[in-house]
Amino acid sequence: MTVAPAASRHATVIEVRAQDAPGLLFRIGRALEDAGVRVRSAHVSTLGANAVDAFYVTEEQGEPLPIEEAVAVARKLEEALRA
């Protein structure tokens, strides 16, 4: 899990690297929704058995996430992927 707050002027980029599995994208999407963020853009790819997904997320008002909130969202994503 990588948080890149400076990767975009308009959104916070959260990159997820995980072993690909059925339902992985659903679990990520549900965790992002539960965290209350909006996904402006998603770049989803699979390299062999691994998923490499980048999500450009914002607050409800459309602003990039403050770094503390971005880190908290990344933690929620990690928890969702472990479940």
C-alpha atoms as a PDB file:
ATOM      1  CA  MET A   1       0.000   0.000   0.000  1.00  0.00           C
ATOM      2  CA  THR A   2       1.447   3.349  -1.034  1.00  0.00           C
ATOM      3  CA  VAL A   3       0.029   6.822  -0.425  1.00  0.00           C
ATOM      4  CA  ALA A   4       1.264   9.486  -2.834  1.00  0.00           C
ATOM      5  CA  PRO A   5      -0.298  12.823  -1.859  1.00  0.00           C
ATOM      6  CA  ALA A   6       1.832  14.834  -4.301  1.00  0.00           C
ATOM      7  CA  ALA A   7       1.305  12.558  -7.319  1.00  0.00           C
ATOM      8  CA  SER A   8      -1.685  14.618  -8.474  1.00  0.00           C
ATOM      9  CA  ARG A   9      -2.823  18.193  -7.901  1.00  0.00           C
ATOM     10  CA  HIS A  10      -6.462  17.141  -7.892  1.00  0.00           C
ATOM     11  CA  ALA A  11      -6.491  13.934  -5.859  1.00  0.00           C
ATOM     12  CA  THR A  12      -4.552  11.736  -3.484  1.00  0.00           C
ATOM     13  CA  VAL A  13      -3.178   8.597  -5.105  1.00  0.00           C
ATOM     14  CA  ILE A  14      -3.391   5.342  -3.180  1.00  0.00           C
ATOM     15  CA  GLU A  15      -1.657   2.417  -4.851  1.00  0.00           C
ATOM     16  CA  VAL A  16      -2.599  -1.108  -3.897  1.00  0.00           C
ATOM     17  CA  ARG A  17      -0.381  -4.077  -4.766  1.00  0.00           C
ATOM     18  CA  ALA A  18      -1.782  -7.462  -3.838  1.00  0.00           C
ATOM     19  CA  GLN A  19      -2.083 -11.011  -5.049  1.00  0.00           C
ATOM     20  CA  ASP A  20      -4.978 -11.042  -7.493  1.00  0.00           C
ATOM     21  CA  ALA A  21      -8.038 -12.944  -6.345  1.00  0.00           C
ATOM     22  CA  PRO A  22     -11.745 -13.045  -7.132  1.00  0.00           C
ATOM     23  CA  GLY A  23     -13.487 -10.145  -5.412  1.00  0.00           C
ATOM     24  CA  LEU A  24     -10.307  -8.147  -4.760  1.00  0.00           C
ATOM     25  CA  LEU A  25     -11.484  -5.037  -6.597  1.00  0.00           C
ATOM     26  CA  PHE A  26     -14.876  -5.279  -4.883  1.00  0.00           C
ATOM     27  CA  ARG A  27     -13.251  -5.410  -1.427  1.00  0.00           C
ATOM     28  CA  ILE A  28     -11.070  -2.408  -2.257  1.00  0.00           C
ATOM     29  CA  GLY A  29     -14.044  -0.440  -3.584  1.00  0.00           C
ATOM     30  CA  ARG A  30     -16.161  -1.265  -0.551  1.00  0.00           C
ATOM     31  CA  ALA A  31     -13.359  -0.201   1.812  1.00  0.00           C
ATOM     32  CA  LEU A  32     -12.966   3.106  -0.040  1.00  0.00           C
ATOM     33  CA  GLU A  33     -16.723   3.688   0.135  1.00  0.00           C
ATOM     34  CA  ASP A  34     -16.775   2.824   3.848  1.00  0.00           C
ATOM     35  CA  ALA A  35     -13.942   5.325   4.376  1.00  0.00           C
ATOM     36  CA  GLY A  36     -16.127   8.048   2.863  1.00  0.00           C
ATOM     37  CA  VAL A  37     -13.825   9.021   0.009  1.00  0.00           C
ATOM     38  CA  ARG A  38     -14.674   9.558  -3.641  1.00  0.00           C
ATOM     39  CA  VAL A  39     -12.801   7.787  -6.398  1.00  0.00           C
ATOM     40  CA  ARG A  40     -12.059  10.244  -9.219  1.00  0.00           C
ATOM     41  CA  SER A  41     -10.159   7.701 -11.270  1.00  0.00           C
ATOM     42  CA  ALA A  42      -8.964   4.118 -10.965  1.00  0.00           C
ATOM     43  CA  HIS A  43      -6.148   2.516 -12.920  1.00  0.00           C
ATOM     44  CA  VAL A  44      -6.480  -1.233 -12.521  1.00  0.00           C
ATOM     45  CA  SER A  45      -4.038  -3.765 -13.912  1.00  0.00           C
ATOM     46  CA  THR A  46      -2.945  -7.332 -13.365  1.00  0.00           C
ATOM     47  CA  LEU A  47       0.653  -8.424 -13.810  1.00  0.00           C
ATOM     48  CA  GLY A  48       0.817 -12.186 -13.663  1.00  0.00           C
ATOM     49  CA  ALA A  49      -0.720 -13.202 -10.348  1.00  0.00           C
ATOM     50  CA  ASN A  50      -0.487  -9.689  -8.895  1.00  0.00           C
ATOM     51  CA  ALA A  51      -2.909  -6.785  -9.018  1.00  0.00           C
ATOM     52  CA  VAL A  52      -1.453  -3.293  -9.212  1.00  0.00           C
ATOM     53  CA  ASP A  53      -4.232  -0.738  -8.760  1.00  0.00           C
ATOM     54  CA  ALA A  54      -3.992   3.036  -8.359  1.00  0.00           C
ATOM     55  CA  PHE A  55      -6.949   4.978  -6.993  1.00  0.00           C
ATOM     56  CA  TYR A  56      -7.174   8.759  -7.271  1.00  0.00           C
ATOM     57  CA  VAL A  57      -9.346   9.734  -4.313  1.00  0.00           C
ATOM     58  CA  THR A  58     -10.743  12.957  -2.887  1.00  0.00           C
ATOM     59  CA  GLU A  59     -12.796  14.156   0.034  1.00  0.00           C
ATOM     60  CA  GLU A  60     -16.540  14.589  -0.465  1.00  0.00           C
ATOM     61  CA  GLN A  61     -15.923  18.232  -1.462  1.00  0.00           C
ATOM     62  CA  GLY A  62     -13.503  17.177  -4.209  1.00  0.00           C
ATOM     63  CA  GLU A  63     -10.250  18.161  -2.494  1.00  0.00           C
ATOM     64  CA  PRO A  64      -7.239  15.847  -2.097  1.00  0.00           C
ATOM     65  CA  LEU A  65      -7.135  14.079   1.251  1.00  0.00           C
ATOM     66  CA  PRO A  66      -5.056  15.507   4.088  1.00  0.00           C
ATOM     67  CA  ILE A  67      -2.093  13.183   4.661  1.00  0.00           C
ATOM     68  CA  GLU A  68      -3.451  11.940   8.012  1.00  0.00           C
ATOM     69  CA  GLU A  69      -6.741  10.955   6.397  1.00  0.00           C
ATOM     70  CA  ALA A  70      -4.963   9.320   3.447  1.00  0.00           C
ATOM     71  CA  VAL A  71      -2.888   7.182   5.812  1.00  0.00           C
ATOM     72  CA  ALA A  72      -6.041   6.195   7.717  1.00  0.00           C
ATOM     73  CA  VAL A  73      -7.739   5.181   4.450  1.00  0.00           C
ATOM     74  CA  ALA A  74      -4.691   3.106   3.486  1.00  0.00           C
ATOM     75  CA  ARG A  75      -4.877   1.320   6.854  1.00  0.00           C
ATOM     76  CA  LYS A  76      -8.562   0.553   6.286  1.00  0.00           C
ATOM     77  CA  LEU A  77      -7.705  -0.860   2.874  1.00  0.00           C
ATOM     78  CA  GLU A  78      -5.014  -3.075   4.386  1.00  0.00           C
ATOM     79  CA  GLU A  79      -7.475  -4.348   6.997  1.00  0.00           C
ATOM     80  CA  ALA A  80     -10.086  -5.067   4.320  1.00  0.00           C
ATOM     81  CA  LEU A  81      -7.589  -7.042   2.257  1.00  0.00           C
ATOM     82  CA  ARG A  82      -6.516  -9.138   5.246  1.00  0.00           C
ATOM     83  CA  ALA A  83     -10.118 -10.089   6.066  1.00  0.00           C
END
